[in-house]
Protein backbone atom coordinates (compact mmCIF):
# COMPACT_ATOMS: atom_id res chain seq x y z
CA MET A 1 -52.65 54.82 -124.00
CA ALA A 2 -50.38 57.68 -123.02
CA ASN A 3 -46.98 57.68 -124.60
CA ALA A 4 -45.62 59.96 -121.86
CA THR A 5 -45.82 59.39 -118.11
CA GLN A 6 -44.79 62.09 -115.65
CA ILE A 7 -42.14 61.06 -113.17
CA GLY A 8 -42.32 62.70 -109.74
CA ILE A 9 -39.34 64.96 -110.40
CA ARG A 10 -39.24 68.73 -110.75
CA VAL A 11 -35.96 70.21 -111.83
CA LYS A 12 -34.88 73.63 -110.60
CA SER A 13 -32.23 75.25 -112.74
CA PRO A 14 -30.86 78.79 -112.86
CA ALA A 15 -31.25 78.57 -116.65
CA PHE A 16 -35.04 78.43 -116.24
CA LYS A 17 -36.55 81.26 -114.21
CA GLY A 18 -39.41 80.28 -111.94
CA SER A 19 -39.87 77.27 -109.75
CA GLY A 20 -40.71 73.86 -111.14
CA ARG A 21 -40.93 74.74 -114.83
CA MET A 22 -38.91 71.67 -115.81
CA ARG A 23 -40.66 68.32 -115.43
CA VAL A 24 -39.39 64.84 -116.23
CA PHE A 25 -41.45 62.39 -118.29
CA ALA A 26 -40.85 58.81 -119.41
CA CYS A 27 -41.52 57.95 -123.04
CA ASN A 28 -43.75 54.87 -123.30
CA SER A 29 -43.89 54.49 -127.07
CA ASP A 30 -41.61 53.80 -130.02
CA SER A 31 -43.22 56.56 -132.11
CA MET A 32 -40.25 58.91 -131.63
CA GLN A 33 -37.48 56.37 -132.33
CA PRO A 34 -34.63 56.79 -133.04
CA ALA A 35 -34.58 60.21 -131.31
CA ILE A 36 -36.32 59.00 -128.13
CA ASN A 37 -36.59 55.31 -127.28
CA PRO A 38 -39.25 53.68 -125.08
CA GLY A 39 -38.33 54.02 -121.40
CA GLU A 40 -36.07 57.02 -121.89
CA LEU A 41 -36.62 60.13 -119.82
CA VAL A 42 -37.13 63.60 -121.26
CA SER A 43 -37.01 67.00 -119.57
CA VAL A 44 -39.92 69.23 -120.51
CA ASP A 45 -40.08 73.01 -120.08
CA THR A 46 -43.72 73.39 -119.06
CA SER A 47 -43.60 77.18 -119.46
CA VAL A 48 -43.82 76.65 -123.25
CA THR A 49 -47.52 76.36 -124.02
CA THR A 50 -47.55 77.60 -127.62
CA PHE A 51 -45.72 76.58 -130.78
CA LYS A 52 -42.24 78.17 -130.68
CA GLY A 53 -40.91 76.65 -133.89
CA ASP A 54 -39.98 73.16 -135.05
CA GLY A 55 -39.14 70.87 -132.16
CA VAL A 56 -40.30 68.06 -129.88
CA TYR A 57 -43.24 68.91 -127.63
CA LEU A 58 -45.42 67.31 -124.97
CA ILE A 59 -48.92 67.62 -126.43
CA ASP A 60 -52.40 66.29 -125.77
CA MET A 61 -54.61 65.76 -128.80
CA GLY A 62 -57.56 64.75 -126.63
CA ASN A 63 -56.60 61.24 -125.61
CA SER A 64 -53.47 61.53 -123.42
CA PRO A 65 -50.11 63.31 -123.14
CA GLN A 66 -47.81 62.39 -126.01
CA ILE A 67 -44.30 63.30 -127.05
CA LYS A 68 -44.40 64.35 -130.70
CA ARG A 69 -42.44 66.49 -133.12
CA LEU A 70 -44.24 69.62 -134.34
CA VAL A 71 -43.10 71.10 -137.64
CA GLU A 72 -44.19 74.14 -139.60
CA CYS A 73 -44.75 73.46 -143.28
CA GLY A 74 -47.62 75.54 -144.60
CA GLY A 75 -49.28 75.00 -141.20
CA ILE A 76 -48.29 73.17 -138.03
CA PHE A 77 -48.02 69.39 -138.41
CA VAL A 78 -47.63 66.52 -135.93
CA SER A 79 -44.84 64.16 -136.89
CA CYS A 80 -43.46 60.90 -135.50
CA ASP A 81 -39.77 60.19 -136.04
CA ASN A 82 -40.61 56.50 -136.52
CA ASP A 83 -41.71 56.22 -140.18
CA SER A 84 -43.97 53.24 -139.41
CA TYR A 85 -46.44 55.69 -137.80
CA GLY A 86 -47.25 57.31 -141.11
CA LYS A 87 -46.94 60.76 -142.58
CA PRO A 88 -47.21 64.04 -140.65
CA PHE A 89 -50.74 65.36 -140.20
CA PRO A 90 -52.16 68.77 -139.27
CA VAL A 91 -52.42 69.53 -135.55
CA PRO A 92 -56.02 68.65 -134.63
CA PRO A 93 -58.25 71.44 -133.26
CA GLY A 94 -58.20 71.55 -129.46
CA THR A 95 -54.66 70.16 -129.18
CA VAL A 96 -52.96 71.42 -126.01
CA ILE A 97 -49.21 72.04 -125.81
CA HIS A 98 -48.02 71.16 -122.29
CA GLY A 99 -44.35 71.94 -122.87
CA MET A 100 -41.30 71.65 -125.07
CA VAL A 101 -38.80 68.81 -124.70
CA CYS A 102 -35.39 70.24 -123.83
CA SER A 103 -33.29 67.11 -123.30
CA ARG A 104 -33.29 63.34 -123.32
CA GLN A 105 -31.64 61.09 -120.75
CA ARG A 106 -30.43 57.98 -122.53
CA ILE A 107 -29.37 54.95 -120.51
CA ASP A 108 -27.48 52.21 -122.32
CA ARG A 109 -26.80 48.73 -120.95
CA PHE A 110 -23.25 47.47 -120.98
CA ASN A 111 -24.11 43.77 -121.08
């Protein structure tokens, strides 16, 4: 099951040259808690298609788009912020980077 679902929103911003490079996705998994909670929206710069350093990326390891942290530590590793998902592991061959997460939109309930 995908842990990221694209929302029908394209964001145009003077900070990002080119039309439609920013896309909004909903996180459907708890694998990135506490940084990103299920149901929260993230903005993804889809012009980033290669590893640009440690950060949170939208990747596809062959099964579906997922929001995961990529870290460099003697190689590039996939990491979940939620420790219950286990230790970081090397990026599998054929993994596609679809973009880099730039921001999170957190919505908190008041009651």
